[in-house]
C-alpha atoms as a PDB file:
ATOM      1  CA  MET A   1      55.881  34.231  71.709  1.00  0.00           C
ATOM      2  CA  PHE A   2      55.952  37.426  73.321  1.00  0.00           C
ATOM      3  CA  LYS A   3      54.893  35.353  76.534  1.00  0.00           C
ATOM      4  CA  ARG A   4      57.526  33.161  76.581  1.00  0.00           C
ATOM      5  CA  TYR A   5      60.636  36.058  75.974  1.00  0.00           C
ATOM      6  CA  LEU A   6      58.293  37.853  78.838  1.00  0.00           C
ATOM      7  CA  GLN A   7      58.407  34.546  81.346  1.00  0.00           C
ATOM      8  CA  VAL A   8      62.191  33.408  80.976  1.00  0.00           C
ATOM      9  CA  THR A   9      63.010  37.268  82.660  1.00  0.00           C
ATOM     10  CA  LYS A  10      61.018  36.339  85.669  1.00  0.00           C
ATOM     11  CA  PRO A  11      58.417  39.599  86.120  1.00  0.00           C
ATOM     12  CA  GLY A  12      57.675  38.687  89.276  1.00  0.00           C
ATOM     13  CA  ILE A  13      61.227  39.349  90.649  1.00  0.00           C
ATOM     14  CA  ILE A  14      61.856  42.948  88.124  1.00  0.00           C
ATOM     15  CA  MET A  15      58.246  43.967  90.097  1.00  0.00           C
ATOM     16  CA  GLY A  16      59.541  43.450  92.905  1.00  0.00           C
ATOM     17  CA  ASN A  17      62.906  45.071  92.256  1.00  0.00           C
ATOM     18  CA  LEU A  18      61.287  48.203  90.547  1.00  0.00           C
ATOM     19  CA  ILE A  19      59.846  49.482  93.917  1.00  0.00           C
ATOM     20  CA  SER A  20      63.390  49.410  95.755  1.00  0.00           C
ATOM     21  CA  VAL A  21      64.702  50.755  92.763  1.00  0.00           C
ATOM     22  CA  ALA A  22      62.623  53.743  93.556  1.00  0.00           C
ATOM     23  CA  GLY A  23      62.847  53.833  96.961  1.00  0.00           C
ATOM     24  CA  GLY A  24      66.172  54.469  96.478  1.00  0.00           C
ATOM     25  CA  PHE A  25      66.035  56.676  93.661  1.00  0.00           C
ATOM     26  CA  PHE A  26      63.898  59.432  95.795  1.00  0.00           C
ATOM     27  CA  LEU A  27      65.228  58.950  99.035  1.00  0.00           C
ATOM     28  CA  ALA A  28      68.615  60.218  97.484  1.00  0.00           C
ATOM     29  CA  SER A  29      66.628  62.656  95.251  1.00  0.00           C
ATOM     30  CA  ARG A  30      64.995  64.768  98.542  1.00  0.00           C
ATOM     31  CA  GLY A  31      62.318  65.813  96.282  1.00  0.00           C
ATOM     32  CA  GLU A  32      64.526  67.218  93.704  1.00  0.00           C
ATOM     33  CA  ILE A  33      63.465  64.289  91.152  1.00  0.00           C
ATOM     34  CA  ASP A  34      64.874  64.007  87.629  1.00  0.00           C
ATOM     35  CA  TRP A  35      62.088  62.264  85.818  1.00  0.00           C
ATOM     36  CA  ILE A  36      64.267  61.465  82.856  1.00  0.00           C
ATOM     37  CA  LEU A  37      66.988  60.371  85.189  1.00  0.00           C
ATOM     38  CA  MET A  38      65.065  58.029  87.199  1.00  0.00           C
ATOM     39  CA  LEU A  39      63.134  56.381  84.173  1.00  0.00           C
ATOM     40  CA  ALA A  40      66.716  56.047  82.664  1.00  0.00           C
ATOM     41  CA  THR A  41      67.610  53.977  86.122  1.00  0.00           C
ATOM     42  CA  VAL A  42      64.310  52.199  86.570  1.00  0.00           C
ATOM     43  CA  ILE A  43      64.317  50.952  82.696  1.00  0.00           C
ATOM     44  CA  GLY A  44      68.206  50.318  82.357  1.00  0.00           C
ATOM     45  CA  LEU A  45      68.581  48.336  85.894  1.00  0.00           C
ATOM     46  CA  SER A  46      64.836  46.350  84.835  1.00  0.00           C
ATOM     47  CA  LEU A  47      66.717  45.469  81.329  1.00  0.00           C
ATOM     48  CA  VAL A  48      69.565  44.449  83.860  1.00  0.00           C
ATOM     49  CA  VAL A  49      67.528  42.255  85.985  1.00  0.00           C
ATOM     50  CA  ALA A  50      65.671  40.750  82.813  1.00  0.00           C
ATOM     51  CA  SER A  51      69.062  39.723  81.415  1.00  0.00           C
ATOM     52  CA  GLY A  52      70.320  38.035  84.872  1.00  0.00           C
ATOM     53  CA  CYS A  53      67.076  35.791  85.114  1.00  0.00           C
ATOM     54  CA  ALA A  54      67.065  35.179  81.269  1.00  0.00           C
ATOM     55  CA  ILE A  55      70.310  33.760  82.118  1.00  0.00           C
ATOM     56  CA  ASN A  56      69.968  32.220  85.199  1.00  0.00           C
ATOM     57  CA  ASN A  57      67.023  29.891  83.759  1.00  0.00           C
ATOM     58  CA  TYR A  58      69.068  29.369  80.719  1.00  0.00           C
ATOM     59  CA  ILE A  59      71.751  27.867  83.218  1.00  0.00           C
ATOM     60  CA  ASP A  60      69.561  26.245  85.334  1.00  0.00           C
ATOM     61  CA  ARG A  61      67.659  24.261  83.125  1.00  0.00           C
ATOM     62  CA  ASP A  62      68.605  21.314  84.695  1.00  0.00           C
ATOM     63  CA  ILE A  63      67.863  21.609  88.151  1.00  0.00           C
ATOM     64  CA  ASP A  64      64.758  23.217  87.205  1.00  0.00           C
ATOM     65  CA  ALA A  65      63.167  20.170  85.783  1.00  0.00           C
ATOM     66  CA  LYS A  66      63.310  18.831  89.169  1.00  0.00           C
ATOM     67  CA  MET A  67      61.428  20.899  91.068  1.00  0.00           C
ATOM     68  CA  GLN A  68      58.066  20.733  90.645  1.00  0.00           C
ATOM     69  CA  ARG A  69      57.665  25.113  91.461  1.00  0.00           C
ATOM     70  CA  THR A  70      59.730  25.523  88.202  1.00  0.00           C
ATOM     71  CA  ARG A  71      59.373  22.601  85.929  1.00  0.00           C
ATOM     72  CA  ASN A  72      57.276  24.243  83.720  1.00  0.00           C
ATOM     73  CA  ARG A  73      59.491  27.030  83.164  1.00  0.00           C
ATOM     74  CA  VAL A  74      59.607  27.661  79.358  1.00  0.00           C
ATOM     75  CA  THR A  75      63.410  26.505  78.979  1.00  0.00           C
ATOM     76  CA  VAL A  76      62.144  23.531  80.672  1.00  0.00           C
ATOM     77  CA  ASN A  77      59.131  22.302  78.653  1.00  0.00           C
ATOM     78  CA  GLY A  78      60.491  23.369  75.670  1.00  0.00           C
ATOM     79  CA  GLU A  79      58.523  26.085  74.683  1.00  0.00           C
ATOM     80  CA  MET A  80      62.048  28.404  74.171  1.00  0.00           C
ATOM     81  CA  SER A  81      65.430  26.919  73.189  1.00  0.00           C
ATOM     82  CA  GLY A  82      68.450  27.079  75.866  1.00  0.00           C
ATOM     83  CA  LYS A  83      69.804  29.362  72.936  1.00  0.00           C
ATOM     84  CA  ALA A  84      67.217  31.714  72.574  1.00  0.00           C
ATOM     85  CA  ALA A  85      66.545  32.305  76.551  1.00  0.00           C
ATOM     86  CA  PHE A  86      70.698  32.942  76.716  1.00  0.00           C
ATOM     87  CA  PHE A  87      70.854  35.472  73.549  1.00  0.00           C
ATOM     88  CA  HIS A  88      67.536  36.947  74.846  1.00  0.00           C
ATOM     89  CA  GLY A  89      69.458  38.001  78.320  1.00  0.00           C
ATOM     90  CA  VAL A  90      72.777  39.237  76.320  1.00  0.00           C
ATOM     91  CA  VAL A  91      70.771  41.769  74.527  1.00  0.00           C
ATOM     92  CA  LEU A  92      68.585  42.741  77.038  1.00  0.00           C
ATOM     93  CA  GLY A  93      71.709  43.019  79.331  1.00  0.00           C
ATOM     94  CA  ILE A  94      73.592  45.149  76.527  1.00  0.00           C
ATOM     95  CA  ILE A  95      70.265  47.357  76.318  1.00  0.00           C
ATOM     96  CA  GLY A  96      70.090  48.204  79.747  1.00  0.00           C
ATOM     97  CA  PHE A  97      73.899  48.710  80.921  1.00  0.00           C
ATOM     98  CA  ALA A  98      74.200  51.101  78.067  1.00  0.00           C
ATOM     99  CA  LEU A  99      71.523  53.158  79.354  1.00  0.00           C
ATOM    100  CA  LEU A 100      72.571  53.212  82.880  1.00  0.00           C
ATOM    101  CA  ALA A 101      75.718  54.282  81.057  1.00  0.00           C
ATOM    102  CA  VAL A 102      74.794  56.872  79.421  1.00  0.00           C
ATOM    103  CA  PHE A 103      72.428  58.390  82.407  1.00  0.00           C
ATOM    104  CA  THR A 104      73.465  57.993  85.345  1.00  0.00           C
ATOM    105  CA  ASN A 105      77.163  57.733  86.583  1.00  0.00           C
ATOM    106  CA  TRP A 106      80.181  55.378  86.994  1.00  0.00           C
ATOM    107  CA  VAL A 107      78.819  54.370  90.682  1.00  0.00           C
ATOM    108  CA  ALA A 108      75.302  53.274  89.912  1.00  0.00           C
ATOM    109  CA  VAL A 109      76.829  51.310  87.051  1.00  0.00           C
ATOM    110  CA  PHE A 110      79.523  49.825  89.069  1.00  0.00           C
ATOM    111  CA  PHE A 111      76.698  48.576  91.326  1.00  0.00           C
ATOM    112  CA  ALA A 112      74.671  47.381  88.765  1.00  0.00           C
ATOM    113  CA  VAL A 113      78.048  45.302  87.042  1.00  0.00           C
ATOM    114  CA  PHE A 114      78.346  44.321  90.893  1.00  0.00           C
ATOM    115  CA  GLY A 115      75.408  42.765  91.493  1.00  0.00           C
ATOM    116  CA  TYR A 116      75.095  40.976  87.762  1.00  0.00           C
ATOM    117  CA  VAL A 117      78.603  39.384  88.284  1.00  0.00           C
ATOM    118  CA  VAL A 118      77.671  38.401  91.710  1.00  0.00           C
ATOM    119  CA  TYR A 119      74.281  36.581  90.867  1.00  0.00           C
ATOM    120  CA  VAL A 120      75.204  35.306  87.291  1.00  0.00           C
ATOM    121  CA  GLY A 121      78.769  33.747  88.142  1.00  0.00           C
ATOM    122  CA  LEU A 122      79.014  33.135  91.399  1.00  0.00           C
ATOM    123  CA  TYR A 123      75.526  32.745  92.930  1.00  0.00           C
ATOM    124  CA  THR A 124      73.823  30.535  89.853  1.00  0.00           C
ATOM    125  CA  LEU A 125      77.182  28.816  88.137  1.00  0.00           C
ATOM    126  CA  HIS A 126      79.112  27.710  91.781  1.00  0.00           C
ATOM    127  CA  PHE A 127      77.486  28.489  94.900  1.00  0.00           C
ATOM    128  CA  LYS A 128      73.248  27.782  94.478  1.00  0.00           C
ATOM    129  CA  ARG A 129      74.795  24.639  93.510  1.00  0.00           C
ATOM    130  CA  LYS A 130      77.755  23.810  96.098  1.00  0.00           C
ATOM    131  CA  SER A 131      77.206  25.707  99.128  1.00  0.00           C
ATOM    132  CA  VAL A 132      75.227  26.553 102.095  1.00  0.00           C
ATOM    133  CA  TYR A 133      76.571  30.307 101.666  1.00  0.00           C
ATOM    134  CA  GLY A 134      74.600  30.269  98.442  1.00  0.00           C
ATOM    135  CA  THR A 135      71.621  32.179  99.708  1.00  0.00           C
ATOM    136  CA  PHE A 136      74.526  34.527 101.266  1.00  0.00           C
ATOM    137  CA  VAL A 137      75.946  35.431  98.075  1.00  0.00           C
ATOM    138  CA  GLY A 138      72.577  35.637  96.205  1.00  0.00           C
ATOM    139  CA  SER A 139      71.648  38.365  98.943  1.00  0.00           C
ATOM    140  CA  LEU A 140      74.433  40.214  97.940  1.00  0.00           C
ATOM    141  CA  SER A 141      73.178  40.161  94.404  1.00  0.00           C
ATOM    142  CA  GLY A 142      69.425  40.854  95.571  1.00  0.00           C
ATOM    143  CA  ALA A 143      70.171  43.896  97.798  1.00  0.00           C
ATOM    144  CA  VAL A 144      71.782  46.093  94.523  1.00  0.00           C
ATOM    145  CA  PRO A 145      68.542  47.841  93.042  1.00  0.00           C
ATOM    146  CA  PRO A 146      67.835  50.241  95.612  1.00  0.00           C
ATOM    147  CA  VAL A 147      71.466  50.659  96.121  1.00  0.00           C
ATOM    148  CA  VAL A 148      71.376  51.546  91.993  1.00  0.00           C
ATOM    149  CA  GLY A 149      68.581  53.792  92.268  1.00  0.00           C
ATOM    150  CA  TYR A 150      70.382  55.660  95.529  1.00  0.00           C
ATOM    151  CA  CYS A 151      73.493  56.229  93.465  1.00  0.00           C
ATOM    152  CA  ALA A 152      72.126  57.309  90.240  1.00  0.00           C
ATOM    153  CA  ALA A 153      70.245  59.996  92.062  1.00  0.00           C
ATOM    154  CA  ALA A 154      73.032  61.422  94.549  1.00  0.00           C
ATOM    155  CA  GLY A 155      76.137  60.313  92.229  1.00  0.00           C
ATOM    156  CA  GLN A 156      78.074  58.712  95.348  1.00  0.00           C
ATOM    157  CA  PHE A 157      78.014  56.272  97.801  1.00  0.00           C
ATOM    158  CA  ASP A 158      77.655  57.247 101.100  1.00  0.00           C
ATOM    159  CA  ALA A 159      76.046  56.384 104.290  1.00  0.00           C
ATOM    160  CA  GLY A 160      72.658  56.462 103.346  1.00  0.00           C
ATOM    161  CA  ALA A 161      73.374  53.829 100.480  1.00  0.00           C
ATOM    162  CA  ALA A 162      75.678  51.993 102.425  1.00  0.00           C
ATOM    163  CA  ILE A 163      72.977  51.811 104.794  1.00  0.00           C
ATOM    164  CA  LEU A 164      70.337  50.318 101.872  1.00  0.00           C
ATOM    165  CA  LEU A 165      72.922  47.670 101.106  1.00  0.00           C
ATOM    166  CA  THR A 166      73.277  46.277 104.658  1.00  0.00           C
ATOM    167  CA  MET A 167      69.193  46.508 105.298  1.00  0.00           C
ATOM    168  CA  PHE A 168      68.737  44.841 102.091  1.00  0.00           C
ATOM    169  CA  CYS A 169      71.148  42.108 102.299  1.00  0.00           C
ATOM    170  CA  ILE A 170      70.011  41.371 105.309  1.00  0.00           C
ATOM    171  CA  TRP A 171      66.033  41.368 103.998  1.00  0.00           C
ATOM    172  CA  GLN A 172      67.269  38.701 101.804  1.00  0.00           C
ATOM    173  CA  MET A 173      68.120  36.139 104.735  1.00  0.00           C
ATOM    174  CA  PRO A 174      65.174  34.947 106.049  1.00  0.00           C
ATOM    175  CA  HIS A 175      62.912  35.491 102.839  1.00  0.00           C
ATOM    176  CA  SER A 176      65.036  33.026 101.220  1.00  0.00           C
ATOM    177  CA  TYR A 177      64.970  31.000 104.354  1.00  0.00           C
ATOM    178  CA  ALA A 178      61.268  30.597 104.311  1.00  0.00           C
ATOM    179  CA  ILE A 179      61.032  29.883 100.578  1.00  0.00           C
ATOM    180  CA  ALA A 180      63.727  26.958 101.309  1.00  0.00           C
ATOM    181  CA  ILE A 181      61.629  26.011 103.971  1.00  0.00           C
ATOM    182  CA  PHE A 182      58.048  25.499 102.323  1.00  0.00           C
ATOM    183  CA  ARG A 183      59.824  24.042  99.202  1.00  0.00           C
ATOM    184  CA  TYR A 184      62.139  21.943 100.816  1.00  0.00           C
ATOM    185  CA  LYS A 185      61.409  18.909  99.294  1.00  0.00           C
ATOM    186  CA  ASP A 186      61.955  20.920  95.882  1.00  0.00           C
ATOM    187  CA  TYR A 187      65.293  21.953  97.124  1.00  0.00           C
ATOM    188  CA  GLU A 188      66.260  18.256  98.252  1.00  0.00           C
ATOM    189  CA  ALA A 189      65.007  16.673  95.142  1.00  0.00           C
ATOM    190  CA  ALA A 190      67.510  19.235  92.928  1.00  0.00           C
ATOM    191  CA  GLY A 191      69.918  18.741  95.235  1.00  0.00           C
ATOM    192  CA  ILE A 192      70.447  22.870  96.176  1.00  0.00           C
ATOM    193  CA  PRO A 193      72.538  22.785  99.559  1.00  0.00           C
ATOM    194  CA  VAL A 194      69.894  25.449 100.909  1.00  0.00           C
ATOM    195  CA  LEU A 195      70.261  25.711 105.177  1.00  0.00           C
ATOM    196  CA  PRO A 196      67.256  23.622 105.508  1.00  0.00           C
ATOM    197  CA  VAL A 197      68.132  20.823 103.691  1.00  0.00           C
ATOM    198  CA  SER A 198      72.008  20.602 103.939  1.00  0.00           C
ATOM    199  CA  GLN A 199      71.732  21.862 108.141  1.00  0.00           C
ATOM    200  CA  GLY A 200      68.178  21.020 109.104  1.00  0.00           C
ATOM    201  CA  ILE A 201      64.728  23.145 109.754  1.00  0.00           C
ATOM    202  CA  ALA A 202      65.703  23.825 113.279  1.00  0.00           C
ATOM    203  CA  LYS A 203      68.753  25.644 112.477  1.00  0.00           C
ATOM    204  CA  ALA A 204      66.986  27.531 109.521  1.00  0.00           C
ATOM    205  CA  LYS A 205      64.241  29.154 112.046  1.00  0.00           C
ATOM    206  CA  ARG A 206      67.247  30.318 114.475  1.00  0.00           C
ATOM    207  CA  HIS A 207      68.648  31.958 111.430  1.00  0.00           C
ATOM    208  CA  ILE A 208      65.443  33.487 110.465  1.00  0.00           C
ATOM    209  CA  VAL A 209      64.636  35.134 113.746  1.00  0.00           C
ATOM    210  CA  LEU A 210      68.183  36.343 114.055  1.00  0.00           C
ATOM    211  CA  HIS A 211      68.314  37.870 110.695  1.00  0.00           C
ATOM    212  CA  ILE A 212      64.523  39.681 111.183  1.00  0.00           C
ATOM    213  CA  ALA A 213      66.279  40.875 114.145  1.00  0.00           C
ATOM    214  CA  ALA A 214      69.188  42.193 112.617  1.00  0.00           C
ATOM    215  CA  PHE A 215      67.405  43.796 109.838  1.00  0.00           C
ATOM    216  CA  ALA A 216      64.851  45.953 112.146  1.00  0.00           C
ATOM    217  CA  ILE A 217      68.416  47.292 113.511  1.00  0.00           C
ATOM    218  CA  ALA A 218      69.840  48.014 109.978  1.00  0.00           C
ATOM    219  CA  ALA A 219      66.661  49.579 109.238  1.00  0.00           C
ATOM    220  CA  ALA A 220      66.475  51.970 112.399  1.00  0.00           C
ATOM    221  CA  LEU A 221      69.779  53.227 110.890  1.00  0.00           C
ATOM    222  CA  LEU A 222      68.282  55.599 108.311  1.00  0.00           C
ATOM    223  CA  PRO A 223      65.989  57.666 110.744  1.00  0.00           C
ATOM    224  CA  LEU A 224      68.880  57.230 113.044  1.00  0.00           C
ATOM    225  CA  THR A 225      71.442  58.891 110.759  1.00  0.00           C
ATOM    226  CA  GLY A 226      68.948  61.447 109.680  1.00  0.00           C
ATOM    227  CA  TYR A 227      68.008  60.304 106.153  1.00  0.00           C
ATOM    228  CA  VAL A 228      64.384  59.687 106.824  1.00  0.00           C
ATOM    229  CA  GLY A 229      61.592  60.397 109.560  1.00  0.00           C
ATOM    230  CA  ILE A 230      59.855  59.288 112.022  1.00  0.00           C
ATOM    231  CA  GLY A 231      57.179  58.459 109.997  1.00  0.00           C
ATOM    232  CA  PHE A 232      59.590  55.435 108.697  1.00  0.00           C
ATOM    233  CA  MET A 233      61.002  54.927 111.565  1.00  0.00           C
ATOM    234  CA  VAL A 234      57.171  53.796 112.906  1.00  0.00           C
ATOM    235  CA  VAL A 235      56.934  51.846 109.735  1.00  0.00           C
ATOM    236  CA  ALA A 236      60.507  50.525 109.889  1.00  0.00           C
ATOM    237  CA  LEU A 237      59.647  49.344 113.822  1.00  0.00           C
ATOM    238  CA  SER A 238      56.117  47.973 113.448  1.00  0.00           C
ATOM    239  CA  THR A 239      56.586  45.993 110.529  1.00  0.00           C
ATOM    240  CA  SER A 240      59.852  44.332 111.568  1.00  0.00           C
ATOM    241  CA  LEU A 241      58.993  43.843 115.225  1.00  0.00           C
ATOM    242  CA  TRP A 242      55.602  41.774 113.454  1.00  0.00           C
ATOM    243  CA  TRP A 243      57.893  39.745 111.191  1.00  0.00           C
ATOM    244  CA  LEU A 244      60.158  39.168 114.325  1.00  0.00           C
ATOM    245  CA  ALA A 245      57.279  38.117 115.915  1.00  0.00           C
ATOM    246  CA  MET A 246      55.717  35.928 112.968  1.00  0.00           C
ATOM    247  CA  ALA A 247      58.875  34.447 113.160  1.00  0.00           C
ATOM    248  CA  LEU A 248      59.065  33.352 116.702  1.00  0.00           C
ATOM    249  CA  ARG A 249      55.926  31.844 116.434  1.00  0.00           C
ATOM    250  CA  GLY A 250      57.784  29.009 114.281  1.00  0.00           C
ATOM    251  CA  TYR A 251      58.912  27.962 117.939  1.00  0.00           C
ATOM    252  CA  ARG A 252      55.531  26.605 118.608  1.00  0.00           C
ATOM    253  CA  GLN A 253      54.847  22.683 119.103  1.00  0.00           C
ATOM    254  CA  ASP A 254      51.728  22.694 117.268  1.00  0.00           C
ATOM    255  CA  ILE A 255      53.006  25.110 114.264  1.00  0.00           C
ATOM    256  CA  ASP A 256      52.429  23.902 110.429  1.00  0.00           C
ATOM    257  CA  VAL A 257      56.160  24.626 109.152  1.00  0.00           C
ATOM    258  CA  SER A 258      55.010  24.607 105.816  1.00  0.00           C
ATOM    259  CA  GLY A 259      52.159  27.182 106.457  1.00  0.00           C
ATOM    260  CA  TRP A 260      54.184  29.244 109.095  1.00  0.00           C
ATOM    261  CA  ALA A 261      57.680  29.589 106.192  1.00  0.00           C
ATOM    262  CA  ARG A 262      54.968  30.838 103.701  1.00  0.00           C
ATOM    263  CA  GLN A 263      53.792  33.563 106.179  1.00  0.00           C
ATOM    264  CA  VAL A 264      57.101  34.592 106.710  1.00  0.00           C
ATOM    265  CA  PHE A 265      58.130  34.593 103.093  1.00  0.00           C
ATOM    266  CA  PHE A 266      54.783  36.776 102.162  1.00  0.00           C
ATOM    267  CA  PHE A 267      55.298  38.873 105.262  1.00  0.00           C
ATOM    268  CA  SER A 268      58.995  39.720 104.451  1.00  0.00           C
ATOM    269  CA  ILE A 269      57.406  41.187 101.085  1.00  0.00           C
ATOM    270  CA  ILE A 270      55.045  43.340 102.778  1.00  0.00           C
ATOM    271  CA  THR A 271      57.646  44.941 105.102  1.00  0.00           C
ATOM    272  CA  VAL A 272      59.975  45.505 102.586  1.00  0.00           C
ATOM    273  CA  THR A 273      57.676  47.242  99.973  1.00  0.00           C
ATOM    274  CA  ALA A 274      56.478  49.167 103.019  1.00  0.00           C
ATOM    275  CA  LEU A 275      59.587  50.736 103.874  1.00  0.00           C
ATOM    276  CA  SER A 276      60.617  51.138 100.071  1.00  0.00           C
ATOM    277  CA  VAL A 277      57.255  53.477  99.887  1.00  0.00           C
ATOM    278  CA  THR A 278      57.612  55.407 103.438  1.00  0.00           C
ATOM    279  CA  MET A 279      62.005  55.981 102.502  1.00  0.00           C
ATOM    280  CA  ALA A 280      60.808  57.795  99.210  1.00  0.00           C
ATOM    281  CA  LEU A 281      57.917  59.765 101.121  1.00  0.00           C
ATOM    282  CA  ASP A 282      59.682  60.512 104.287  1.00  0.00           C
ATOM    283  CA  PHE A 283      63.096  61.636 103.502  1.00  0.00           C
ATOM    284  CA  ASN A 284      65.336  64.098 105.207  1.00  0.00           C
ATOM    285  CA  ASP A 285      67.442  66.891 103.849  1.00  0.00           C
ATOM    286  CA  VAL A 286      71.036  65.479 105.014  1.00  0.00           C
ATOM    287  CA  SER A 287      74.370  66.293 104.193  1.00  0.00           C
ATOM    288  CA  PRO A 288      76.326  62.804 104.105  1.00  0.00           C
ATOM    289  CA  ASP A 289      79.296  62.920 106.168  1.00  0.00           C
ATOM    290  CA  LEU A 290      80.748  59.356 104.806  1.00  0.00           C
ATOM    291  CA  LEU A 291      81.988  59.521 101.523  1.00  0.00           C
ATOM    292  CA  VAL A 292      82.560  57.063 100.483  1.00  0.00           C
ATOM    293  CA  PHE A 293      82.469  56.825  96.025  1.00  0.00           C
ATOM    294  CA  ALA A 294      81.310  60.046  94.158  1.00  0.00           C
ATOM    295  CA  ALA A 295      80.610  59.914  91.033  1.00  0.00           C
ATOM    296  CA  HIS A 296      82.718  63.579  90.171  1.00  0.00           C
END
C-alpha cells in the first residue's frame, strides 16, 4: 500500500528537486545555516512537489495510458484509483504549504504557490496537451525549487534569486527537448505537441544548442555578480561547454539521434547537480544590490 502512495508522487523528481532546493538555501545562507529552517524548507517543498506530481498523475491518466514509459503508473494500471491519487495529493499539498508558511517567509511561499499553480493549473491542465509552448511553461515551475530555497534563507528575492530562476528555467528546455526526442513515439502516440513532434527534430536540435549556450551565460552571472567564487565559474564553464559540445554532436550525419538525445539528457542532470553542489560550497559573502521583494 505504501509503495503505490510513494510511486504516485514521482520520487525521482522529488530527489532531483531536493538537491536544487538545498543548493539555493546554502547559497543564500553564506555559511550561517539555520538547520531547522532548512529542514522545514526541504520537507515542505518536497511535499508540495509530491502533491503536484500526484495530481499530475491523476489528471494525465488518459495520456499516460498511451505512452510506453507511463502505461504502468499506478493510476493507469488500476493499483490506485484516481480519487485516491487526487486526495493524496491534496493532503500532501496542505501539509507542505503549511510547513513553508509557518517556518519560512511570504516570498518563499509565494514562489512555491507560483510553481504549483503553473505546474498543475497551466502546464498539466492546458499547455502540455494543447501547445508547443508547454515545455516553456513547465520550465517556469521546474525552476522554482532553488528559488524557494534561496528566498527561505535570504528572506528576499534579489539578483541572486533572479539568476537562479533564469538559470534553472533555461536548463529545463534542452533537458526536456532531449527527453521528447528519445521518447518521440510516446509523445506522438499521446498527441502531446512537444517541439520535436510538432515542428521536427531538426528544430529541436537547434533549440537544444541555443538553450545550452544561454544556460552557460546565465550560470556565469552568479560568479560575475559576486555571489559565488572562481570554483563555481570553473565548474559552470567546464560542464556547460562539455554539454554544448555534446549537443553539437547531434549534427553529425551518422549520429544515432535517440542515443545522442539520451546522452544530452543524462548530462543535463550531471550539470545541474554539479552546479547545485558547487554553489552550496563556493558562496561569497555579498550584499545584493538589487532588492525586488523582501519578507520584512
